[in-house]
Amino acid sequence: MHELITTFANEPGLLVGTILGIAGMLTSVVIIALISRSARQGTREREQTRREIAAYVAEGTLTSEDAERLLSPSPWWIKTVCVKGKDVRESVREHLHA
């Protein structure tokens, strides 16, 4: 232990590098934990939505076609391209041919 303290005292750059390395590793662990938590929460919410839509279909307030449409994944660009009141395909065609 005494040798380690002496080494750090004689070479301050080594101490700074060690501290920065440890801080970087801890930061990485925190970021990975936050990303994992966010992914778990998204999965939980998606499953809850599936259960709710299945309940609506079971009680008859929603058709199976509408449920399928709601549950099918949509491309990321639909929200930026589509205009309210228009069919998605029509909006996309207009955007691509503009």
Protein backbone atom coordinates (compact mmCIF):
# COMPACT_ATOMS: atom_id res chain seq x y z
CA MET A 1 0.00 0.00 0.00
CA HIS A 2 2.89 2.34 0.85
CA GLU A 3 4.44 1.67 -2.58
CA LEU A 4 1.17 2.57 -4.32
CA ILE A 5 0.94 5.89 -2.46
CA THR A 6 4.57 6.66 -3.26
CA THR A 7 4.03 5.86 -6.95
CA PHE A 8 1.00 8.15 -7.14
CA ALA A 9 2.85 10.89 -5.27
CA ASN A 10 5.83 10.72 -7.64
CA GLU A 11 3.71 10.57 -10.80
CA PRO A 12 0.57 12.77 -10.54
CA GLY A 13 -0.41 11.94 -14.13
CA LEU A 14 -0.82 8.31 -13.15
CA LEU A 15 -3.17 9.29 -10.33
CA VAL A 16 -5.27 11.47 -12.65
CA GLY A 17 -5.41 8.71 -15.25
CA THR A 18 -6.49 6.16 -12.66
CA ILE A 19 -9.21 8.44 -11.30
CA LEU A 20 -10.51 9.23 -14.79
CA GLY A 21 -10.49 5.54 -15.74
CA ILE A 22 -12.49 4.56 -12.67
CA ALA A 23 -14.91 7.47 -13.22
CA GLY A 24 -15.38 6.41 -16.84
CA MET A 25 -16.15 2.83 -15.86
CA LEU A 26 -18.65 3.93 -13.20
CA THR A 27 -20.31 6.28 -15.68
CA SER A 28 -20.60 3.44 -18.19
CA VAL A 29 -22.24 1.19 -15.60
CA VAL A 30 -24.77 3.91 -14.72
CA ILE A 31 -25.60 4.58 -18.38
CA ILE A 32 -26.08 0.87 -19.11
CA ALA A 33 -28.35 0.53 -16.06
CA LEU A 34 -30.48 3.49 -17.17
CA ILE A 35 -30.80 2.17 -20.72
CA SER A 36 -31.80 -1.26 -19.42
CA ARG A 37 -34.40 0.26 -17.14
CA SER A 38 -35.84 2.30 -20.00
CA ALA A 39 -36.05 -0.78 -22.24
CA ARG A 40 -37.79 -2.78 -19.51
CA GLN A 41 -40.30 0.00 -18.98
CA GLY A 42 -41.02 0.23 -22.71
CA THR A 43 -41.62 -3.52 -22.90
CA ARG A 44 -43.90 -3.40 -19.87
CA GLU A 45 -45.95 -0.55 -21.38
CA ARG A 46 -46.20 -2.31 -24.75
CA GLU A 47 -47.47 -5.51 -23.08
CA GLN A 48 -50.00 -3.51 -21.05
CA THR A 49 -51.28 -1.93 -24.27
CA ARG A 50 -51.61 -5.36 -25.88
CA ARG A 51 -53.65 -6.60 -22.91
CA GLU A 52 -55.93 -3.55 -23.01
CA ILE A 53 -56.53 -3.90 -26.77
CA ALA A 54 -57.24 -7.62 -26.32
CA ALA A 55 -59.81 -6.73 -23.65
CA TYR A 56 -61.51 -4.25 -26.01
CA VAL A 57 -61.66 -6.91 -28.73
CA ALA A 58 -63.07 -9.44 -26.24
CA GLU A 59 -65.85 -7.09 -25.14
CA GLY A 60 -66.64 -6.18 -28.75
CA THR A 61 -65.86 -2.46 -28.69
CA LEU A 62 -62.96 -2.93 -31.10
CA THR A 63 -62.78 -5.09 -34.20
CA SER A 64 -59.92 -7.51 -34.67
CA GLU A 65 -58.85 -5.62 -37.83
CA ASP A 66 -58.59 -2.36 -35.89
CA ALA A 67 -56.68 -4.14 -33.12
CA GLU A 68 -54.26 -5.58 -35.65
CA ARG A 69 -53.74 -2.14 -37.16
CA LEU A 70 -53.10 -0.61 -33.73
CA LEU A 71 -50.66 -3.32 -32.72
CA SER A 72 -48.69 -3.45 -35.96
CA PRO A 73 -45.44 -1.50 -35.77
CA SER A 74 -45.37 1.68 -37.81
CA PRO A 75 -42.29 3.16 -39.43
CA TRP A 76 -40.62 6.06 -37.61
CA TRP A 77 -41.33 8.48 -40.45
CA ILE A 78 -45.12 8.17 -40.39
CA LYS A 79 -45.52 10.81 -37.69
CA THR A 80 -43.42 13.31 -39.62
CA VAL A 81 -44.92 12.63 -43.05
CA CYS A 82 -48.63 12.04 -42.50
CA VAL A 83 -51.22 14.77 -42.52
CA LYS A 84 -54.27 14.50 -40.28
CA GLY A 85 -57.35 13.27 -42.08
CA LYS A 86 -55.41 11.51 -44.83
CA ASP A 87 -54.68 7.85 -45.30
CA VAL A 88 -51.14 6.91 -44.35
CA ARG A 89 -50.35 5.40 -47.74
CA GLU A 90 -51.67 8.47 -49.54
CA SER A 91 -49.57 10.81 -47.39
CA VAL A 92 -46.46 8.73 -47.97
CA ARG A 93 -47.02 8.62 -51.73
CA GLU A 94 -47.45 12.40 -51.84
CA HIS A 95 -44.33 12.93 -49.77
CA LEU A 96 -42.19 10.59 -51.88
CA HIS A 97 -43.35 12.03 -55.19
CA ALA A 98 -43.10 15.68 -54.16
